[in-house]
Amino acid sequence: MQQEWKEEWTIIEGLPDKLDFEKVVKVFKTQFCCNGVIIEDPNVGKVIQLQGSHHEGVIRFLVSEGICKKDAIEVHGTV
């Protein structure tokens, strides 16, 4: 019997271009013990993909580091 796994991903887009994406992904990977990559999307620019559901931690980090304000963040999907 084969078990099916449904993978969850946390997708972060719309961050400022001046942001050091490599540094942010490294922090996320360490803090959340997950895999993460930076994807270049032709429509929205750089996108960070983290394996797993880390939306709450990502929001806390982005707000505490002053990268964006909490009211500017939209969460889509299951919360």
C-alpha atoms as a PDB file:
ATOM      1  CA  MET A   1       0.000   0.000   0.000  1.00  0.00           C
ATOM      2  CA  GLN A   2       1.407   3.338  -1.022  1.00  0.00           C
ATOM      3  CA  GLN A   3       0.767   6.377   1.131  1.00  0.00           C
ATOM      4  CA  GLU A   4       0.045   9.677  -0.556  1.00  0.00           C
ATOM      5  CA  TRP A   5       1.729  12.777   0.803  1.00  0.00           C
ATOM      6  CA  LYS A   6       0.326  16.219   0.290  1.00  0.00           C
ATOM      7  CA  GLU A   7       3.174  18.705   0.404  1.00  0.00           C
ATOM      8  CA  GLU A   8       2.558  22.187   1.706  1.00  0.00           C
ATOM      9  CA  TRP A   9       4.512  25.177   0.487  1.00  0.00           C
ATOM     10  CA  THR A  10       4.848  28.715   1.781  1.00  0.00           C
ATOM     11  CA  ILE A  11       5.186  31.144  -1.134  1.00  0.00           C
ATOM     12  CA  ILE A  12       6.437  34.689  -0.496  1.00  0.00           C
ATOM     13  CA  GLU A  13       6.235  37.253  -3.279  1.00  0.00           C
ATOM     14  CA  GLY A  14       6.121  41.017  -3.634  1.00  0.00           C
ATOM     15  CA  LEU A  15       9.148  41.716  -1.444  1.00  0.00           C
ATOM     16  CA  PRO A  16      11.333  44.757  -2.197  1.00  0.00           C
ATOM     17  CA  ASP A  17      13.967  44.210  -4.914  1.00  0.00           C
ATOM     18  CA  LYS A  18      16.691  45.697  -2.684  1.00  0.00           C
ATOM     19  CA  LEU A  19      16.208  42.839  -0.195  1.00  0.00           C
ATOM     20  CA  ASP A  20      19.058  40.337   0.177  1.00  0.00           C
ATOM     21  CA  PHE A  21      16.972  37.301  -0.811  1.00  0.00           C
ATOM     22  CA  GLU A  22      19.819  34.827  -0.233  1.00  0.00           C
ATOM     23  CA  LYS A  23      20.231  36.024   3.348  1.00  0.00           C
ATOM     24  CA  VAL A  24      16.482  35.924   4.044  1.00  0.00           C
ATOM     25  CA  VAL A  25      16.129  32.387   2.653  1.00  0.00           C
ATOM     26  CA  LYS A  26      19.094  31.252   4.760  1.00  0.00           C
ATOM     27  CA  VAL A  27      17.413  32.653   7.892  1.00  0.00           C
ATOM     28  CA  PHE A  28      14.099  30.981   7.002  1.00  0.00           C
ATOM     29  CA  LYS A  29      15.756  27.621   6.315  1.00  0.00           C
ATOM     30  CA  THR A  30      17.597  27.745   9.640  1.00  0.00           C
ATOM     31  CA  GLN A  31      14.700  29.104  11.684  1.00  0.00           C
ATOM     32  CA  PHE A  32      12.045  26.757  10.285  1.00  0.00           C
ATOM     33  CA  CYS A  33      14.255  23.695   9.600  1.00  0.00           C
ATOM     34  CA  CYS A  34      12.985  23.485   6.033  1.00  0.00           C
ATOM     35  CA  ASN A  35      14.147  23.589   2.455  1.00  0.00           C
ATOM     36  CA  GLY A  36      13.788  26.840   0.529  1.00  0.00           C
ATOM     37  CA  VAL A  37      14.594  28.324  -2.863  1.00  0.00           C
ATOM     38  CA  ILE A  38      14.417  31.600  -4.751  1.00  0.00           C
ATOM     39  CA  ILE A  39      12.541  31.485  -8.047  1.00  0.00           C
ATOM     40  CA  GLU A  40      12.599  34.250 -10.659  1.00  0.00           C
ATOM     41  CA  ASP A  41       9.037  34.713 -11.936  1.00  0.00           C
ATOM     42  CA  PRO A  42       8.623  36.873 -15.053  1.00  0.00           C
ATOM     43  CA  ASN A  43       5.350  38.334 -13.743  1.00  0.00           C
ATOM     44  CA  VAL A  44       6.119  39.073 -10.072  1.00  0.00           C
ATOM     45  CA  GLY A  45       9.916  39.020  -9.831  1.00  0.00           C
ATOM     46  CA  LYS A  46      11.738  37.074  -7.140  1.00  0.00           C
ATOM     47  CA  VAL A  47       9.658  34.561  -5.191  1.00  0.00           C
ATOM     48  CA  ILE A  48      10.731  32.633  -2.100  1.00  0.00           C
ATOM     49  CA  GLN A  49       9.387  29.090  -1.777  1.00  0.00           C
ATOM     50  CA  LEU A  50       9.645  27.283   1.573  1.00  0.00           C
ATOM     51  CA  GLN A  51       8.748  23.646   2.044  1.00  0.00           C
ATOM     52  CA  GLY A  52       6.008  23.367   4.670  1.00  0.00           C
ATOM     53  CA  SER A  53       3.489  25.733   6.207  1.00  0.00           C
ATOM     54  CA  HIS A  54       5.442  28.602   7.781  1.00  0.00           C
ATOM     55  CA  HIS A  55       3.152  31.583   7.179  1.00  0.00           C
ATOM     56  CA  GLU A  56       2.954  32.672  10.841  1.00  0.00           C
ATOM     57  CA  GLY A  57       6.728  32.609  11.309  1.00  0.00           C
ATOM     58  CA  VAL A  58       7.303  34.385   7.997  1.00  0.00           C
ATOM     59  CA  ILE A  59       4.865  37.146   8.959  1.00  0.00           C
ATOM     60  CA  ARG A  60       6.552  37.606  12.356  1.00  0.00           C
ATOM     61  CA  PHE A  61       9.976  37.812  10.706  1.00  0.00           C
ATOM     62  CA  LEU A  62       8.966  40.241   7.955  1.00  0.00           C
ATOM     63  CA  VAL A  63       7.258  42.586  10.432  1.00  0.00           C
ATOM     64  CA  SER A  64       9.949  42.397  13.146  1.00  0.00           C
ATOM     65  CA  GLU A  65      12.733  43.100  10.619  1.00  0.00           C
ATOM     66  CA  GLY A  66      10.814  46.058   9.173  1.00  0.00           C
ATOM     67  CA  ILE A  67      10.668  44.496   5.709  1.00  0.00           C
ATOM     68  CA  CYS A  68       6.933  45.124   5.471  1.00  0.00           C
ATOM     69  CA  LYS A  69       3.980  46.133   7.620  1.00  0.00           C
ATOM     70  CA  LYS A  70       1.532  43.549   8.900  1.00  0.00           C
ATOM     71  CA  ASP A  71      -1.449  45.136   7.157  1.00  0.00           C
ATOM     72  CA  ALA A  72       0.360  44.797   3.793  1.00  0.00           C
ATOM     73  CA  ILE A  73       0.603  40.992   4.104  1.00  0.00           C
ATOM     74  CA  GLU A  74      -2.005  38.724   2.522  1.00  0.00           C
ATOM     75  CA  VAL A  75      -2.251  35.033   3.415  1.00  0.00           C
ATOM     76  CA  HIS A  76      -3.877  32.731   0.880  1.00  0.00           C
ATOM     77  CA  GLY A  77      -4.819  29.076   1.256  1.00  0.00           C
ATOM     78  CA  THR A  78      -5.315  27.174   4.467  1.00  0.00           C
ATOM     79  CA  VAL A  79      -4.335  28.960   7.641  1.00  0.00           C
END
